[in-house]
Amino acid sequence: FIQLVQRINTRAEKKVEGEFTKDLKRL
């Protein structure tokens, strides 16, 4: 369960960082 939560958290962080990076590149 802990590994699953950590994996979900990592994916979510990568997704948010990716979206933020895309937004910065467009600006």
PDB file of all heavy atoms in Angstrom:
ATOM      1  N   PHE A   1       0.829  -1.197   0.000  1.00  0.00           N
ATOM      2  CA  PHE A   1       0.000   0.000   0.000  1.00  0.00           C
ATOM      3  C   PHE A   1       0.872   1.259   0.000  1.00  0.00           C
ATOM      4  O   PHE A   1       0.615   2.201  -0.755  1.00  0.00           O
ATOM      5  CB  PHE A   1      -0.938  -0.007   1.202  1.00  0.00           C
ATOM      6  CG  PHE A   1      -1.840   1.183   1.264  1.00  0.00           C
ATOM      7  CD1 PHE A   1      -2.868   1.347   0.347  1.00  0.00           C
ATOM      8  CD2 PHE A   1      -1.661   2.155   2.231  1.00  0.00           C
ATOM      9  CE1 PHE A   1      -3.696   2.454   0.393  1.00  0.00           C
ATOM     10  CE2 PHE A   1      -2.488   3.260   2.290  1.00  0.00           C
ATOM     11  CZ  PHE A   1      -3.502   3.411   1.368  1.00  0.00           C
ATOM     12  N   ILE A   2       1.906   1.271   0.821  1.00  0.00           N
ATOM     13  CA  ILE A   2       2.819   2.425   0.877  1.00  0.00           C
ATOM     14  C   ILE A   2       3.500   2.627  -0.472  1.00  0.00           C
ATOM     15  O   ILE A   2       3.601   3.750  -0.968  1.00  0.00           O
ATOM     16  CB  ILE A   2       3.853   2.246   2.011  1.00  0.00           C
ATOM     17  CG1 ILE A   2       3.164   2.379   3.369  1.00  0.00           C
ATOM     18  CG2 ILE A   2       4.990   3.263   1.886  1.00  0.00           C
ATOM     19  CD1 ILE A   2       4.027   2.010   4.557  1.00  0.00           C
ATOM     20  N   GLN A   3       3.949   1.537  -1.101  1.00  0.00           N
ATOM     21  CA  GLN A   3       4.583   1.639  -2.414  1.00  0.00           C
ATOM     22  C   GLN A   3       3.606   2.185  -3.450  1.00  0.00           C
ATOM     23  O   GLN A   3       3.973   3.013  -4.297  1.00  0.00           O
ATOM     24  CB  GLN A   3       5.108   0.275  -2.862  1.00  0.00           C
ATOM     25  CG  GLN A   3       6.307  -0.199  -2.082  1.00  0.00           C
ATOM     26  CD  GLN A   3       6.713  -1.627  -2.458  1.00  0.00           C
ATOM     27  OE1 GLN A   3       6.065  -2.262  -3.289  1.00  0.00           O
ATOM     28  NE2 GLN A   3       7.764  -2.126  -1.832  1.00  0.00           N
ATOM     29  N   LEU A   4       2.375   1.727  -3.394  1.00  0.00           N
ATOM     30  CA  LEU A   4       1.356   2.196  -4.327  1.00  0.00           C
ATOM     31  C   LEU A   4       1.106   3.691  -4.158  1.00  0.00           C
ATOM     32  O   LEU A   4       1.054   4.442  -5.136  1.00  0.00           O
ATOM     33  CB  LEU A   4       0.057   1.418  -4.126  1.00  0.00           C
ATOM     34  CG  LEU A   4      -1.128   1.830  -4.982  1.00  0.00           C
ATOM     35  CD1 LEU A   4      -0.836   1.569  -6.454  1.00  0.00           C
ATOM     36  CD2 LEU A   4      -2.370   1.090  -4.546  1.00  0.00           C
ATOM     37  N   VAL A   5       0.976   4.132  -2.920  1.00  0.00           N
ATOM     38  CA  VAL A   5       0.748   5.552  -2.649  1.00  0.00           C
ATOM     39  C   VAL A   5       1.940   6.379  -3.126  1.00  0.00           C
ATOM     40  O   VAL A   5       1.766   7.439  -3.743  1.00  0.00           O
ATOM     41  CB  VAL A   5       0.471   5.785  -1.147  1.00  0.00           C
ATOM     42  CG1 VAL A   5       0.502   7.261  -0.805  1.00  0.00           C
ATOM     43  CG2 VAL A   5      -0.865   5.182  -0.754  1.00  0.00           C
ATOM     44  N   GLN A   6       3.156   5.907  -2.898  1.00  0.00           N
ATOM     45  CA  GLN A   6       4.342   6.628  -3.350  1.00  0.00           C
ATOM     46  C   GLN A   6       4.392   6.702  -4.874  1.00  0.00           C
ATOM     47  O   GLN A   6       4.731   7.734  -5.448  1.00  0.00           O
ATOM     48  CB  GLN A   6       5.611   5.956  -2.817  1.00  0.00           C
ATOM     49  CG  GLN A   6       5.816   6.168  -1.334  1.00  0.00           C
ATOM     50  CD  GLN A   6       7.004   5.388  -0.784  1.00  0.00           C
ATOM     51  OE1 GLN A   6       7.457   4.419  -1.381  1.00  0.00           O
ATOM     52  NE2 GLN A   6       7.481   5.814   0.375  1.00  0.00           N
ATOM     53  N   ARG A   7       4.025   5.628  -5.542  1.00  0.00           N
ATOM     54  CA  ARG A   7       4.018   5.608  -7.006  1.00  0.00           C
ATOM     55  C   ARG A   7       2.980   6.586  -7.552  1.00  0.00           C
ATOM     56  O   ARG A   7       3.245   7.330  -8.498  1.00  0.00           O
ATOM     57  CB  ARG A   7       3.724   4.199  -7.496  1.00  0.00           C
ATOM     58  CG  ARG A   7       4.037   4.005  -8.959  1.00  0.00           C
ATOM     59  CD  ARG A   7       3.908   2.567  -9.392  1.00  0.00           C
ATOM     60  NE  ARG A   7       4.729   1.690  -8.570  1.00  0.00           N
ATOM     61  CZ  ARG A   7       4.414   0.428  -8.270  1.00  0.00           C
ATOM     62  NH1 ARG A   7       3.292  -0.103  -8.733  1.00  0.00           N
ATOM     63  NH2 ARG A   7       5.206  -0.312  -7.534  1.00  0.00           N
ATOM     64  N   ILE A   8       1.803   6.600  -6.943  1.00  0.00           N
ATOM     65  CA  ILE A   8       0.750   7.536  -7.365  1.00  0.00           C
ATOM     66  C   ILE A   8       1.210   8.978  -7.147  1.00  0.00           C
ATOM     67  O   ILE A   8       1.021   9.836  -8.011  1.00  0.00           O
ATOM     68  CB  ILE A   8      -0.567   7.248  -6.613  1.00  0.00           C
ATOM     69  CG1 ILE A   8      -1.161   5.925  -7.080  1.00  0.00           C
ATOM     70  CG2 ILE A   8      -1.564   8.391  -6.801  1.00  0.00           C
ATOM     71  CD1 ILE A   8      -2.322   5.438  -6.242  1.00  0.00           C
ATOM     72  N   ASN A   9       1.829   9.226  -5.999  1.00  0.00           N
ATOM     73  CA  ASN A   9       2.323  10.565  -5.683  1.00  0.00           C
ATOM     74  C   ASN A   9       3.386  11.009  -6.688  1.00  0.00           C
ATOM     75  O   ASN A   9       3.363  12.145  -7.174  1.00  0.00           O
ATOM     76  CB  ASN A   9       2.892  10.595  -4.266  1.00  0.00           C
ATOM     77  CG  ASN A   9       3.196  11.993  -3.798  1.00  0.00           C
ATOM     78  OD1 ASN A   9       2.540  12.939  -4.192  1.00  0.00           O
ATOM     79  ND2 ASN A   9       4.209  12.121  -2.964  1.00  0.00           N
ATOM     80  N   THR A  10       4.301  10.116  -7.032  1.00  0.00           N
ATOM     81  CA  THR A  10       5.352  10.435  -7.993  1.00  0.00           C
ATOM     82  C   THR A  10       4.763  10.762  -9.356  1.00  0.00           C
ATOM     83  O   THR A  10       5.155  11.741 -10.004  1.00  0.00           O
ATOM     84  CB  THR A  10       6.351   9.258  -8.123  1.00  0.00           C
ATOM     85  OG1 THR A  10       6.910   8.989  -6.833  1.00  0.00           O
ATOM     86  CG2 THR A  10       7.457   9.579  -9.097  1.00  0.00           C
ATOM     87  N   ARG A  11       3.808   9.963  -9.808  1.00  0.00           N
ATOM     88  CA  ARG A  11       3.162  10.221 -11.106  1.00  0.00           C
ATOM     89  C   ARG A  11       2.435  11.559 -11.097  1.00  0.00           C
ATOM     90  O   ARG A  11       2.491  12.318 -12.065  1.00  0.00           O
ATOM     91  CB  ARG A  11       2.179   9.112 -11.445  1.00  0.00           C
ATOM     92  CG  ARG A  11       2.833   7.842 -11.889  1.00  0.00           C
ATOM     93  CD  ARG A  11       1.803   6.811 -12.260  1.00  0.00           C
ATOM     94  NE  ARG A  11       2.432   5.529 -12.551  1.00  0.00           N
ATOM     95  CZ  ARG A  11       1.772   4.403 -12.709  1.00  0.00           C
ATOM     96  NH1 ARG A  11       0.453   4.385 -12.612  1.00  0.00           N
ATOM     97  NH2 ARG A  11       2.415   3.293 -12.972  1.00  0.00           N
ATOM     98  N   ALA A  12       1.747  11.843 -10.003  1.00  0.00           N
ATOM     99  CA  ALA A  12       1.009  13.105  -9.907  1.00  0.00           C
ATOM    100  C   ALA A  12       1.976  14.292  -9.947  1.00  0.00           C
ATOM    101  O   ALA A  12       1.717  15.287 -10.629  1.00  0.00           O
ATOM    102  CB  ALA A  12       0.178  13.131  -8.630  1.00  0.00           C
ATOM    103  N   GLU A  13       3.085  14.192  -9.225  1.00  0.00           N
ATOM    104  CA  GLU A  13       4.072  15.275  -9.223  1.00  0.00           C
ATOM    105  C   GLU A  13       4.644  15.482 -10.622  1.00  0.00           C
ATOM    106  O   GLU A  13       4.784  16.614 -11.079  1.00  0.00           O
ATOM    107  CB  GLU A  13       5.197  14.971  -8.243  1.00  0.00           C
ATOM    108  CG  GLU A  13       4.819  15.158  -6.800  1.00  0.00           C
ATOM    109  CD  GLU A  13       5.949  14.810  -5.840  1.00  0.00           C
ATOM    110  OE1 GLU A  13       7.060  14.480  -6.311  1.00  0.00           O
ATOM    111  OE2 GLU A  13       5.725  14.866  -4.630  1.00  0.00           O
ATOM    112  N   LYS A  14       4.971  14.389 -11.305  1.00  0.00           N
ATOM    113  CA  LYS A  14       5.519  14.505 -12.658  1.00  0.00           C
ATOM    114  C   LYS A  14       4.514  15.149 -13.603  1.00  0.00           C
ATOM    115  O   LYS A  14       4.871  15.971 -14.445  1.00  0.00           O
ATOM    116  CB  LYS A  14       5.932  13.130 -13.192  1.00  0.00           C
ATOM    117  CG  LYS A  14       7.198  12.602 -12.575  1.00  0.00           C
ATOM    118  CD  LYS A  14       7.576  11.254 -13.159  1.00  0.00           C
ATOM    119  CE  LYS A  14       8.822  10.704 -12.497  1.00  0.00           C
ATOM    120  NZ  LYS A  14       9.186   9.382 -13.026  1.00  0.00           N
ATOM    121  N   LYS A  15       3.253  14.773 -13.454  1.00  0.00           N
ATOM    122  CA  LYS A  15       2.217  15.336 -14.315  1.00  0.00           C
ATOM    123  C   LYS A  15       2.063  16.836 -14.066  1.00  0.00           C
ATOM    124  O   LYS A  15       2.011  17.623 -15.014  1.00  0.00           O
ATOM    125  CB  LYS A  15       0.883  14.630 -14.075  1.00  0.00           C
ATOM    126  CG  LYS A  15      -0.212  15.095 -14.989  1.00  0.00           C
ATOM    127  CD  LYS A  15      -1.482  14.312 -14.807  1.00  0.00           C
ATOM    128  CE  LYS A  15      -2.556  14.809 -15.756  1.00  0.00           C
ATOM    129  NZ  LYS A  15      -3.785  14.049 -15.642  1.00  0.00           N
ATOM    130  N   VAL A  16       2.019  17.228 -12.802  1.00  0.00           N
ATOM    131  CA  VAL A  16       1.874  18.641 -12.463  1.00  0.00           C
ATOM    132  C   VAL A  16       3.092  19.425 -12.951  1.00  0.00           C
ATOM    133  O   VAL A  16       2.956  20.503 -13.539  1.00  0.00           O
ATOM    134  CB  VAL A  16       1.678  18.822 -10.938  1.00  0.00           C
ATOM    135  CG1 VAL A  16       1.818  20.276 -10.535  1.00  0.00           C
ATOM    136  CG2 VAL A  16       0.319  18.297 -10.523  1.00  0.00           C
ATOM    137  N   GLU A  17       4.293  18.890 -12.728  1.00  0.00           N
ATOM    138  CA  GLU A  17       5.499  19.570 -13.179  1.00  0.00           C
ATOM    139  C   GLU A  17       5.520  19.688 -14.704  1.00  0.00           C
ATOM    140  O   GLU A  17       5.926  20.712 -15.251  1.00  0.00           O
ATOM    141  CB  GLU A  17       6.741  18.830 -12.689  1.00  0.00           C
ATOM    142  CG  GLU A  17       6.972  18.989 -11.202  1.00  0.00           C
ATOM    143  CD  GLU A  17       8.088  18.089 -10.677  1.00  0.00           C
ATOM    144  OE1 GLU A  17       8.695  17.339 -11.477  1.00  0.00           O
ATOM    145  OE2 GLU A  17       8.350  18.141  -9.465  1.00  0.00           O
ATOM    146  N   GLY A  18       5.076  18.647 -15.384  1.00  0.00           N
ATOM    147  CA  GLY A  18       5.030  18.688 -16.838  1.00  0.00           C
ATOM    148  C   GLY A  18       4.075  19.744 -17.350  1.00  0.00           C
ATOM    149  O   GLY A  18       4.394  20.486 -18.291  1.00  0.00           O
ATOM    150  N   GLU A  19       2.905  19.824 -16.746  1.00  0.00           N
ATOM    151  CA  GLU A  19       1.926  20.839 -17.145  1.00  0.00           C
ATOM    152  C   GLU A  19       2.459  22.240 -16.869  1.00  0.00           C
ATOM    153  O   GLU A  19       2.303  23.151 -17.681  1.00  0.00           O
ATOM    154  CB  GLU A  19       0.604  20.629 -16.394  1.00  0.00           C
ATOM    155  CG  GLU A  19      -0.143  19.382 -16.791  1.00  0.00           C
ATOM    156  CD  GLU A  19      -0.647  19.424 -18.219  1.00  0.00           C
ATOM    157  OE1 GLU A  19      -1.087  20.504 -18.671  1.00  0.00           O
ATOM    158  OE2 GLU A  19      -0.589  18.380 -18.888  1.00  0.00           O
ATOM    159  N   PHE A  20       3.099  22.403 -15.719  1.00  0.00           N
ATOM    160  CA  PHE A  20       3.661  23.704 -15.355  1.00  0.00           C
ATOM    161  C   PHE A  20       4.756  24.098 -16.346  1.00  0.00           C
ATOM    162  O   PHE A  20       4.809  25.242 -16.802  1.00  0.00           O
ATOM    163  CB  PHE A  20       4.223  23.644 -13.927  1.00  0.00           C
ATOM    164  CG  PHE A  20       4.718  24.958 -13.416  1.00  0.00           C
ATOM    165  CD1 PHE A  20       3.836  25.979 -13.121  1.00  0.00           C
ATOM    166  CD2 PHE A  20       6.069  25.173 -13.219  1.00  0.00           C
ATOM    167  CE1 PHE A  20       4.285  27.194 -12.653  1.00  0.00           C
ATOM    168  CE2 PHE A  20       6.529  26.383 -12.746  1.00  0.00           C
ATOM    169  CZ  PHE A  20       5.644  27.397 -12.462  1.00  0.00           C
ATOM    170  N   THR A  21       5.599  23.143 -16.707  1.00  0.00           N
ATOM    171  CA  THR A  21       6.669  23.406 -17.662  1.00  0.00           C
ATOM    172  C   THR A  21       6.103  23.783 -19.022  1.00  0.00           C
ATOM    173  O   THR A  21       6.587  24.714 -19.669  1.00  0.00           O
ATOM    174  CB  THR A  21       7.582  22.167 -17.803  1.00  0.00           C
ATOM    175  OG1 THR A  21       8.099  21.831 -16.514  1.00  0.00           O
ATOM    176  CG2 THR A  21       8.728  22.428 -18.743  1.00  0.00           C
ATOM    177  N   LYS A  22       5.061  23.068 -19.463  1.00  0.00           N
ATOM    178  CA  LYS A  22       4.426  23.407 -20.737  1.00  0.00           C
ATOM    179  C   LYS A  22       3.868  24.825 -20.712  1.00  0.00           C
ATOM    180  O   LYS A  22       4.018  25.571 -21.673  1.00  0.00           O
ATOM    181  CB  LYS A  22       3.294  22.424 -21.051  1.00  0.00           C
ATOM    182  CG  LYS A  22       3.735  21.219 -21.822  1.00  0.00           C
ATOM    183  CD  LYS A  22       2.544  20.515 -22.442  1.00  0.00           C
ATOM    184  CE  LYS A  22       1.903  19.616 -21.423  1.00  0.00           C
ATOM    185  NZ  LYS A  22       0.786  18.829 -21.935  1.00  0.00           N
ATOM    186  N   ASP A  23       3.226  25.185 -19.609  1.00  0.00           N
ATOM    187  CA  ASP A  23       2.657  26.528 -19.491  1.00  0.00           C
ATOM    188  C   ASP A  23       3.752  27.586 -19.529  1.00  0.00           C
ATOM    189  O   ASP A  23       3.595  28.631 -20.153  1.00  0.00           O
ATOM    190  CB  ASP A  23       1.848  26.663 -18.206  1.00  0.00           C
ATOM    191  CG  ASP A  23       0.531  25.918 -18.260  1.00  0.00           C
ATOM    192  OD1 ASP A  23       0.118  25.537 -19.379  1.00  0.00           O
ATOM    193  OD2 ASP A  23      -0.065  25.703 -17.196  1.00  0.00           O
ATOM    194  N   LEU A  24       4.868  27.328 -18.855  1.00  0.00           N
ATOM    195  CA  LEU A  24       5.966  28.292 -18.862  1.00  0.00           C
ATOM    196  C   LEU A  24       6.569  28.442 -20.248  1.00  0.00           C
ATOM    197  O   LEU A  24       6.938  29.541 -20.656  1.00  0.00           O
ATOM    198  CB  LEU A  24       7.061  27.873 -17.870  1.00  0.00           C
ATOM    199  CG  LEU A  24       6.819  28.219 -16.419  1.00  0.00           C
ATOM    200  CD1 LEU A  24       7.978  27.735 -15.568  1.00  0.00           C
ATOM    201  CD2 LEU A  24       6.630  29.708 -16.222  1.00  0.00           C
ATOM    202  N   LYS A  25       6.673  27.343 -20.980  1.00  0.00           N
ATOM    203  CA  LYS A  25       7.246  27.417 -22.324  1.00  0.00           C
ATOM    204  C   LYS A  25       6.350  28.221 -23.259  1.00  0.00           C
ATOM    205  O   LYS A  25       6.838  28.885 -24.169  1.00  0.00           O
ATOM    206  CB  LYS A  25       7.458  26.003 -22.888  1.00  0.00           C
ATOM    207  CG  LYS A  25       8.630  25.299 -22.256  1.00  0.00           C
ATOM    208  CD  LYS A  25       8.812  23.914 -22.849  1.00  0.00           C
ATOM    209  CE  LYS A  25       9.962  23.208 -22.162  1.00  0.00           C
ATOM    210  NZ  LYS A  25      10.123  21.832 -22.668  1.00  0.00           N
ATOM    211  N   ARG A  26       5.035  28.147 -23.059  1.00  0.00           N
ATOM    212  CA  ARG A  26       4.102  28.882 -23.914  1.00  0.00           C
ATOM    213  C   ARG A  26       4.077  30.370 -23.603  1.00  0.00           C
ATOM    214  O   ARG A  26       3.687  31.184 -24.419  1.00  0.00           O
ATOM    215  CB  ARG A  26       2.694  28.318 -23.758  1.00  0.00           C
ATOM    216  CG  ARG A  26       2.488  27.020 -24.476  1.00  0.00           C
ATOM    217  CD  ARG A  26       1.028  26.692 -24.477  1.00  0.00           C
ATOM    218  NE  ARG A  26       0.553  26.596 -23.098  1.00  0.00           N
ATOM    219  CZ  ARG A  26      -0.301  25.708 -22.659  1.00  0.00           C
ATOM    220  NH1 ARG A  26      -0.819  24.834 -23.491  1.00  0.00           N
ATOM    221  NH2 ARG A  26      -0.683  25.681 -21.407  1.00  0.00           N
ATOM    222  N   LEU A  27       4.455  30.722 -22.389  1.00  0.00           N
ATOM    223  CA  LEU A  27       4.376  32.103 -21.943  1.00  0.00           C
ATOM    224  C   LEU A  27       5.529  32.916 -22.524  1.00  0.00           C
ATOM    225  O   LEU A  27       6.689  32.593 -22.321  1.00  0.00           O
ATOM    226  CB  LEU A  27       4.418  32.138 -20.411  1.00  0.00           C
ATOM    227  CG  LEU A  27       4.224  33.464 -19.729  1.00  0.00           C
ATOM    228  CD1 LEU A  27       2.826  33.992 -20.049  1.00  0.00           C
ATOM    229  CD2 LEU A  27       4.371  33.296 -18.234  1.00  0.00           C
TER     230      LEU A  27
END
